Amino acid sequence: MPFVAPSILSADFACLGEQVGMLNESVADWIHVDVMDGIFVPNISFGFPIMEVLKRTAKKPLDVHLMIVHPERYVERFCDAGAWSVGFHLEATEDPLPILQLIKNKGVRTCLTINPDIAVERLFPYLQHVDMVLLMSVFAGFGGQKFIEETYDKIKLLRAEITRRNLQTLIEIDGGVSLQNAQELVATGVDALVAGSAVFKTENPIETIRQLKQA
């Protein structure tokens, strides 16, 4: 079964506590937290005040995805704010290794992310240094986008490289994930599914999460 990480970005922030409570009662494995700065991506989401609420109310691990410039300035603070995993974009830094070490020093899981226009092979030199890689199957910045079909080829290449090197690195996918493509994604080699609109815009999010988990 895949890990399922509903993206809180798609939640109703007028009743965030209730939405987190729903996720606590579901079979979701993690809560995905998208942090945007309006510079790296053309959108702004939330920062430490929301992290404080999530840390206080969430019973699931917080899987933090930083879509920001200069992630080295903030990764330690997100670790201290309660992140279980912290990921940032390869294209946001010239050298990810020192930033990954900052996260590791905090005892937090590491993740490296790329947008759809970045060759998946650029992740290969870092696979042994991270717990997980996150492939964006839409361009980072906005929820509700259509899944980019070419992502399947990237997943296959990445899975083959991880297997060839006998690594334990997980593959996470984010963007356009739904009940319609979840099974194929898992069959192609994905370990973790991030779903936002597909969960929170349905009539029964708990049931949708359960079905994703069974993909």
C-alpha atoms as a PDB file:
ATOM      1  CA  MET A   1       0.000   0.000   0.000  1.00  0.00           C
ATOM      2  CA  PRO A   2       1.254   3.514  -0.737  1.00  0.00           C
ATOM      3  CA  PHE A   3       1.721   6.223   1.836  1.00  0.00           C
ATOM      4  CA  VAL A   4      -1.013   8.837   1.474  1.00  0.00           C
ATOM      5  CA  ALA A   5      -0.327  12.485   2.327  1.00  0.00           C
ATOM      6  CA  PRO A   6      -3.319  14.826   1.924  1.00  0.00           C
ATOM      7  CA  SER A   7      -2.168  18.361   1.142  1.00  0.00           C
ATOM      8  CA  ILE A   8      -3.475  20.821   3.715  1.00  0.00           C
ATOM      9  CA  LEU A   9      -3.195  23.560   1.076  1.00  0.00           C
ATOM     10  CA  SER A  10      -6.572  22.416  -0.274  1.00  0.00           C
ATOM     11  CA  ALA A  11      -8.272  22.412   3.127  1.00  0.00           C
ATOM     12  CA  ASP A  12     -10.907  24.908   4.234  1.00  0.00           C
ATOM     13  CA  PHE A  13      -8.911  27.298   6.404  1.00  0.00           C
ATOM     14  CA  ALA A  14     -12.081  28.670   7.979  1.00  0.00           C
ATOM     15  CA  CYS A  15     -12.254  25.390   9.893  1.00  0.00           C
ATOM     16  CA  LEU A  16      -8.647  24.206   9.794  1.00  0.00           C
ATOM     17  CA  GLY A  17      -8.851  22.503  13.183  1.00  0.00           C
ATOM     18  CA  GLU A  18     -11.796  20.397  12.036  1.00  0.00           C
ATOM     19  CA  GLN A  19     -10.033  19.515   8.787  1.00  0.00           C
ATOM     20  CA  VAL A  20      -6.931  18.372  10.658  1.00  0.00           C
ATOM     21  CA  GLY A  21      -9.151  16.398  13.024  1.00  0.00           C
ATOM     22  CA  MET A  22     -10.658  14.643  10.025  1.00  0.00           C
ATOM     23  CA  LEU A  23      -7.179  13.721   8.778  1.00  0.00           C
ATOM     24  CA  ASN A  24      -6.283  12.470  12.262  1.00  0.00           C
ATOM     25  CA  GLU A  25      -9.242  10.068  12.113  1.00  0.00           C
ATOM     26  CA  SER A  26      -8.485   8.924   8.558  1.00  0.00           C
ATOM     27  CA  VAL A  27      -5.995   6.314   7.341  1.00  0.00           C
ATOM     28  CA  ALA A  28      -3.755   9.050   5.928  1.00  0.00           C
ATOM     29  CA  ASP A  29      -0.103   8.478   6.762  1.00  0.00           C
ATOM     30  CA  TRP A  30       1.213  12.042   6.645  1.00  0.00           C
ATOM     31  CA  ILE A  31      -0.078  15.598   6.275  1.00  0.00           C
ATOM     32  CA  HIS A  32       1.560  17.390   3.365  1.00  0.00           C
ATOM     33  CA  VAL A  33       2.372  21.046   4.080  1.00  0.00           C
ATOM     34  CA  ASP A  34       3.063  23.269   1.047  1.00  0.00           C
ATOM     35  CA  VAL A  35       5.022  26.416   1.885  1.00  0.00           C
ATOM     36  CA  MET A  36       5.242  29.047  -0.898  1.00  0.00           C
ATOM     37  CA  ASP A  37       7.034  32.383  -0.807  1.00  0.00           C
ATOM     38  CA  GLY A  38       5.649  34.184  -3.873  1.00  0.00           C
ATOM     39  CA  ILE A  39       9.160  34.273  -5.382  1.00  0.00           C
ATOM     40  CA  PHE A  40      10.165  30.711  -6.225  1.00  0.00           C
ATOM     41  CA  VAL A  41       6.550  30.107  -7.224  1.00  0.00           C
ATOM     42  CA  PRO A  42       3.937  32.735  -8.188  1.00  0.00           C
ATOM     43  CA  ASN A  43       1.806  32.140  -5.129  1.00  0.00           C
ATOM     44  CA  ILE A  44       1.934  32.595  -1.353  1.00  0.00           C
ATOM     45  CA  SER A  45       0.556  30.015   1.071  1.00  0.00           C
ATOM     46  CA  PHE A  46       1.502  30.064   4.759  1.00  0.00           C
ATOM     47  CA  GLY A  47       4.392  29.829   7.157  1.00  0.00           C
ATOM     48  CA  PHE A  48       5.175  29.334  10.810  1.00  0.00           C
ATOM     49  CA  PRO A  49       1.820  30.392  12.355  1.00  0.00           C
ATOM     50  CA  ILE A  50       0.069  27.592  10.461  1.00  0.00           C
ATOM     51  CA  MET A  51       2.883  25.185  11.345  1.00  0.00           C
ATOM     52  CA  GLU A  52       2.282  25.999  15.009  1.00  0.00           C
ATOM     53  CA  VAL A  53      -1.410  25.140  14.633  1.00  0.00           C
ATOM     54  CA  LEU A  54      -0.598  21.917  12.812  1.00  0.00           C
ATOM     55  CA  LYS A  55       2.008  20.883  15.368  1.00  0.00           C
ATOM     56  CA  ARG A  56      -0.542  21.417  18.130  1.00  0.00           C
ATOM     57  CA  THR A  57      -3.437  19.573  16.488  1.00  0.00           C
ATOM     58  CA  ALA A  58      -2.049  17.027  14.019  1.00  0.00           C
ATOM     59  CA  LYS A  59      -1.519  13.430  15.064  1.00  0.00           C
ATOM     60  CA  LYS A  60       0.014  12.568  11.701  1.00  0.00           C
ATOM     61  CA  PRO A  61       3.621  13.378  10.710  1.00  0.00           C
ATOM     62  CA  LEU A  62       4.030  16.734   8.949  1.00  0.00           C
ATOM     63  CA  ASP A  63       5.577  16.345   5.494  1.00  0.00           C
ATOM     64  CA  VAL A  64       6.802  19.860   4.670  1.00  0.00           C
ATOM     65  CA  HIS A  65       7.436  20.905   1.048  1.00  0.00           C
ATOM     66  CA  LEU A  66       9.314  24.202   0.744  1.00  0.00           C
ATOM     67  CA  MET A  67       8.709  26.036  -2.533  1.00  0.00           C
ATOM     68  CA  ILE A  68      10.961  28.926  -1.579  1.00  0.00           C
ATOM     69  CA  VAL A  69      14.225  30.610  -2.493  1.00  0.00           C
ATOM     70  CA  HIS A  70      17.149  30.274  -0.080  1.00  0.00           C
ATOM     71  CA  PRO A  71      15.784  27.211   1.730  1.00  0.00           C
ATOM     72  CA  GLU A  72      18.968  27.113   3.791  1.00  0.00           C
ATOM     73  CA  ARG A  73      17.629  30.109   5.750  1.00  0.00           C
ATOM     74  CA  TYR A  74      14.532  28.306   6.942  1.00  0.00           C
ATOM     75  CA  VAL A  75      14.926  24.520   7.006  1.00  0.00           C
ATOM     76  CA  GLU A  76      16.122  24.399  10.615  1.00  0.00           C
ATOM     77  CA  ARG A  77      13.247  26.569  11.770  1.00  0.00           C
ATOM     78  CA  PHE A  78      10.724  24.301  10.055  1.00  0.00           C
ATOM     79  CA  CYS A  79      12.378  21.329  11.732  1.00  0.00           C
ATOM     80  CA  ASP A  80      12.014  23.073  15.088  1.00  0.00           C
ATOM     81  CA  ALA A  81       8.400  23.945  14.250  1.00  0.00           C
ATOM     82  CA  GLY A  82       7.455  20.278  14.144  1.00  0.00           C
ATOM     83  CA  ALA A  83       8.251  18.981  10.666  1.00  0.00           C
ATOM     84  CA  TRP A  84       8.746  15.229  10.363  1.00  0.00           C
ATOM     85  CA  SER A  85      10.132  15.614   6.849  1.00  0.00           C
ATOM     86  CA  VAL A  86      11.484  18.716   5.104  1.00  0.00           C
ATOM     87  CA  GLY A  87      11.870  18.904   1.349  1.00  0.00           C
ATOM     88  CA  PHE A  88      13.108  21.692  -0.895  1.00  0.00           C
ATOM     89  CA  HIS A  89      13.678  22.158  -4.610  1.00  0.00           C
ATOM     90  CA  LEU A  90      16.933  21.142  -6.261  1.00  0.00           C
ATOM     91  CA  GLU A  91      16.580  24.108  -8.614  1.00  0.00           C
ATOM     92  CA  ALA A  92      16.386  26.514  -5.657  1.00  0.00           C
ATOM     93  CA  THR A  93      20.023  25.969  -4.669  1.00  0.00           C
ATOM     94  CA  GLU A  94      23.423  25.467  -6.238  1.00  0.00           C
ATOM     95  CA  ASP A  95      24.425  22.772  -3.747  1.00  0.00           C
ATOM     96  CA  PRO A  96      21.735  20.875  -1.822  1.00  0.00           C
ATOM     97  CA  LEU A  97      24.120  18.792   0.290  1.00  0.00           C
ATOM     98  CA  PRO A  98      24.820  21.370   3.053  1.00  0.00           C
ATOM     99  CA  ILE A  99      21.074  22.048   3.349  1.00  0.00           C
ATOM    100  CA  LEU A 100      20.301  18.348   3.576  1.00  0.00           C
ATOM    101  CA  GLN A 101      22.877  18.104   6.360  1.00  0.00           C
ATOM    102  CA  LEU A 102      21.162  20.914   8.293  1.00  0.00           C
ATOM    103  CA  ILE A 103      17.941  18.904   8.195  1.00  0.00           C
ATOM    104  CA  LYS A 104      19.675  15.659   9.169  1.00  0.00           C
ATOM    105  CA  ASN A 105      21.341  17.378  12.106  1.00  0.00           C
ATOM    106  CA  LYS A 106      17.851  18.095  13.448  1.00  0.00           C
ATOM    107  CA  GLY A 107      16.891  14.426  13.225  1.00  0.00           C
ATOM    108  CA  VAL A 108      14.327  15.152  10.503  1.00  0.00           C
ATOM    109  CA  ARG A 109      13.791  13.179   7.290  1.00  0.00           C
ATOM    110  CA  THR A 110      15.141  14.720   4.091  1.00  0.00           C
ATOM    111  CA  CYS A 111      13.463  15.184   0.726  1.00  0.00           C
ATOM    112  CA  LEU A 112      14.655  16.705  -2.549  1.00  0.00           C
ATOM    113  CA  THR A 113      12.124  17.969  -5.095  1.00  0.00           C
ATOM    114  CA  ILE A 114      12.059  18.885  -8.793  1.00  0.00           C
ATOM    115  CA  ASN A 115       9.527  20.623 -11.019  1.00  0.00           C
ATOM    116  CA  PRO A 116       8.271  18.957 -14.240  1.00  0.00           C
ATOM    117  CA  ASP A 117      10.745  20.838 -16.455  1.00  0.00           C
ATOM    118  CA  ILE A 118      13.797  19.498 -14.596  1.00  0.00           C
ATOM    119  CA  ALA A 119      15.422  16.293 -15.867  1.00  0.00           C
ATOM    120  CA  VAL A 120      14.974  13.492 -13.363  1.00  0.00           C
ATOM    121  CA  GLU A 121      18.608  12.463 -13.870  1.00  0.00           C
ATOM    122  CA  ARG A 122      19.650  15.589 -11.975  1.00  0.00           C
ATOM    123  CA  LEU A 123      18.422  13.869  -8.806  1.00  0.00           C
ATOM    124  CA  PHE A 124      20.636  10.811  -9.283  1.00  0.00           C
ATOM    125  CA  PRO A 125      23.813  12.201  -7.590  1.00  0.00           C
ATOM    126  CA  TYR A 126      21.824  12.856  -4.409  1.00  0.00           C
ATOM    127  CA  LEU A 127      19.708   9.722  -4.072  1.00  0.00           C
ATOM    128  CA  GLN A 128      21.952   8.195  -1.420  1.00  0.00           C
ATOM    129  CA  HIS A 129      21.766  11.401   0.634  1.00  0.00           C
ATOM    130  CA  VAL A 130      17.978  11.694   0.951  1.00  0.00           C
ATOM    131  CA  ASP A 131      15.169   9.699   2.499  1.00  0.00           C
ATOM    132  CA  MET A 132      12.755  10.661  -0.248  1.00  0.00           C
ATOM    133  CA  VAL A 133      12.504  12.440  -3.591  1.00  0.00           C
ATOM    134  CA  LEU A 134       9.380  14.350  -4.615  1.00  0.00           C
ATOM    135  CA  LEU A 135       8.471  14.567  -8.280  1.00  0.00           C
ATOM    136  CA  MET A 136       6.098  17.390  -9.109  1.00  0.00           C
ATOM    137  CA  SER A 137       3.581  16.190 -11.686  1.00  0.00           C
ATOM    138  CA  VAL A 138       2.291  19.752 -12.108  1.00  0.00           C
ATOM    139  CA  PHE A 139       4.215  23.011 -11.818  1.00  0.00           C
ATOM    140  CA  ALA A 140       4.564  24.011  -8.189  1.00  0.00           C
ATOM    141  CA  GLY A 141       2.457  26.896  -6.983  1.00  0.00           C
ATOM    142  CA  PHE A 142      -1.238  26.139  -7.420  1.00  0.00           C
ATOM    143  CA  GLY A 143      -3.570  23.279  -6.534  1.00  0.00           C
ATOM    144  CA  GLY A 144      -6.083  21.667  -8.865  1.00  0.00           C
ATOM    145  CA  GLN A 145      -3.824  21.413 -11.926  1.00  0.00           C
ATOM    146  CA  LYS A 146      -4.002  18.593 -14.470  1.00  0.00           C
ATOM    147  CA  PHE A 147      -1.527  15.723 -14.095  1.00  0.00           C
ATOM    148  CA  ILE A 148       1.357  15.841 -16.604  1.00  0.00           C
ATOM    149  CA  GLU A 149       1.429  12.428 -18.295  1.00  0.00           C
ATOM    150  CA  GLU A 150       5.181  12.521 -19.013  1.00  0.00           C
ATOM    151  CA  THR A 151       5.685  12.092 -15.269  1.00  0.00           C
ATOM    152  CA  TYR A 152       5.263   8.329 -15.676  1.00  0.00           C
ATOM    153  CA  ASP A 153       8.493   8.129 -17.672  1.00  0.00           C
ATOM    154  CA  LYS A 154      10.328  10.033 -14.953  1.00  0.00           C
ATOM    155  CA  ILE A 155       8.994   7.679 -12.293  1.00  0.00           C
ATOM    156  CA  LYS A 156      10.204   4.648 -14.268  1.00  0.00           C
ATOM    157  CA  LEU A 157      13.706   6.101 -14.699  1.00  0.00           C
ATOM    158  CA  LEU A 158      13.922   7.050 -11.039  1.00  0.00           C
ATOM    159  CA  ARG A 159      12.626   3.701  -9.794  1.00  0.00           C
ATOM    160  CA  ALA A 160      15.098   1.837 -12.029  1.00  0.00           C
ATOM    161  CA  GLU A 161      18.025   3.886 -10.687  1.00  0.00           C
ATOM    162  CA  ILE A 162      16.995   3.400  -7.052  1.00  0.00           C
ATOM    163  CA  THR A 163      16.603  -0.334  -7.603  1.00  0.00           C
ATOM    164  CA  ARG A 164      19.903  -0.614  -9.509  1.00  0.00           C
ATOM    165  CA  ARG A 165      21.766   0.991  -6.618  1.00  0.00           C
ATOM    166  CA  ASN A 166      19.832  -0.969  -3.974  1.00  0.00           C
ATOM    167  CA  LEU A 167      18.738   2.209  -2.196  1.00  0.00           C
ATOM    168  CA  GLN A 168      15.758   2.673   0.111  1.00  0.00           C
ATOM    169  CA  THR A 169      14.902   6.161  -1.158  1.00  0.00           C
ATOM    170  CA  LEU A 170      11.152   6.717  -1.398  1.00  0.00           C
ATOM    171  CA  ILE A 171       9.434   8.286  -4.406  1.00  0.00           C
ATOM    172  CA  GLU A 172       6.677  10.791  -3.631  1.00  0.00           C
ATOM    173  CA  ILE A 173       4.399  12.315  -6.288  1.00  0.00           C
ATOM    174  CA  ASP A 174       2.512  15.592  -6.028  1.00  0.00           C
ATOM    175  CA  GLY A 175       0.115  17.216  -8.481  1.00  0.00           C
ATOM    176  CA  GLY A 176      -3.051  15.986 -10.130  1.00  0.00           C
ATOM    177  CA  VAL A 177      -3.099  12.776  -8.092  1.00  0.00           C
ATOM    178  CA  SER A 178      -6.584  11.246  -8.010  1.00  0.00           C
ATOM    179  CA  LEU A 179      -8.478   7.988  -7.660  1.00  0.00           C
ATOM    180  CA  GLN A 180      -8.285   7.706 -11.441  1.00  0.00           C
ATOM    181  CA  ASN A 181      -4.476   7.552 -11.650  1.00  0.00           C
ATOM    182  CA  ALA A 182      -3.390   6.425  -8.164  1.00  0.00           C
ATOM    183  CA  GLN A 183      -3.228   2.723  -9.019  1.00  0.00           C
ATOM    184  CA  GLU A 184      -1.116   3.311 -12.131  1.00  0.00           C
ATOM    185  CA  LEU A 185       1.214   5.610 -10.222  1.00  0.00           C
ATOM    186  CA  VAL A 186       1.835   2.982  -7.564  1.00  0.00           C
ATOM    187  CA  ALA A 187       2.294   0.277 -10.207  1.00  0.00           C
ATOM    188  CA  THR A 188       4.874   2.477 -11.944  1.00  0.00           C
ATOM    189  CA  GLY A 189       6.927   2.804  -8.774  1.00  0.00           C
ATOM    190  CA  VAL A 190       5.529   5.557  -6.546  1.00  0.00           C
ATOM    191  CA  ASP A 191       5.696   5.034  -2.767  1.00  0.00           C
ATOM    192  CA  ALA A 192       3.786   8.105  -1.543  1.00  0.00           C
ATOM    193  CA  LEU A 193       0.802   9.965  -2.996  1.00  0.00           C
ATOM    194  CA  VAL A 194       0.163  13.625  -2.226  1.00  0.00           C
ATOM    195  CA  ALA A 195      -3.462  14.582  -2.914  1.00  0.00           C
ATOM    196  CA  GLY A 196      -5.095  17.941  -2.291  1.00  0.00           C
ATOM    197  CA  SER A 197      -8.207  18.725  -4.295  1.00  0.00           C
ATOM    198  CA  ALA A 198      -8.832  15.003  -4.837  1.00  0.00           C
ATOM    199  CA  VAL A 199      -9.334  14.658  -1.072  1.00  0.00           C
ATOM    200  CA  PHE A 200     -10.732  17.932   0.224  1.00  0.00           C
ATOM    201  CA  LYS A 201     -13.099  18.665  -2.667  1.00  0.00           C
ATOM    202  CA  THR A 202     -14.927  15.342  -2.347  1.00  0.00           C
ATOM    203  CA  GLU A 203     -18.091  14.692  -0.348  1.00  0.00           C
ATOM    204  CA  ASN A 204     -16.386  12.086   1.833  1.00  0.00           C
ATOM    205  CA  PRO A 205     -12.664  12.860   2.241  1.00  0.00           C
ATOM    206  CA  ILE A 206     -12.116  10.005   4.712  1.00  0.00           C
ATOM    207  CA  GLU A 207     -13.448   7.488   2.177  1.00  0.00           C
ATOM    208  CA  THR A 208     -11.364   9.033  -0.612  1.00  0.00           C
ATOM    209  CA  ILE A 209      -8.231   8.704   1.515  1.00  0.00           C
ATOM    210  CA  ARG A 210      -9.105   5.076   2.208  1.00  0.00           C
ATOM    211  CA  GLN A 211      -9.471   4.380  -1.517  1.00  0.00           C
ATOM    212  CA  LEU A 212      -6.161   6.099  -2.281  1.00  0.00           C
ATOM    213  CA  LYS A 213      -4.528   3.980   0.377  1.00  0.00           C
ATOM    214  CA  GLN A 214      -5.800   0.842  -1.375  1.00  0.00           C
ATOM    215  CA  ALA A 215      -4.357   1.888  -4.754  1.00  0.00           C
END
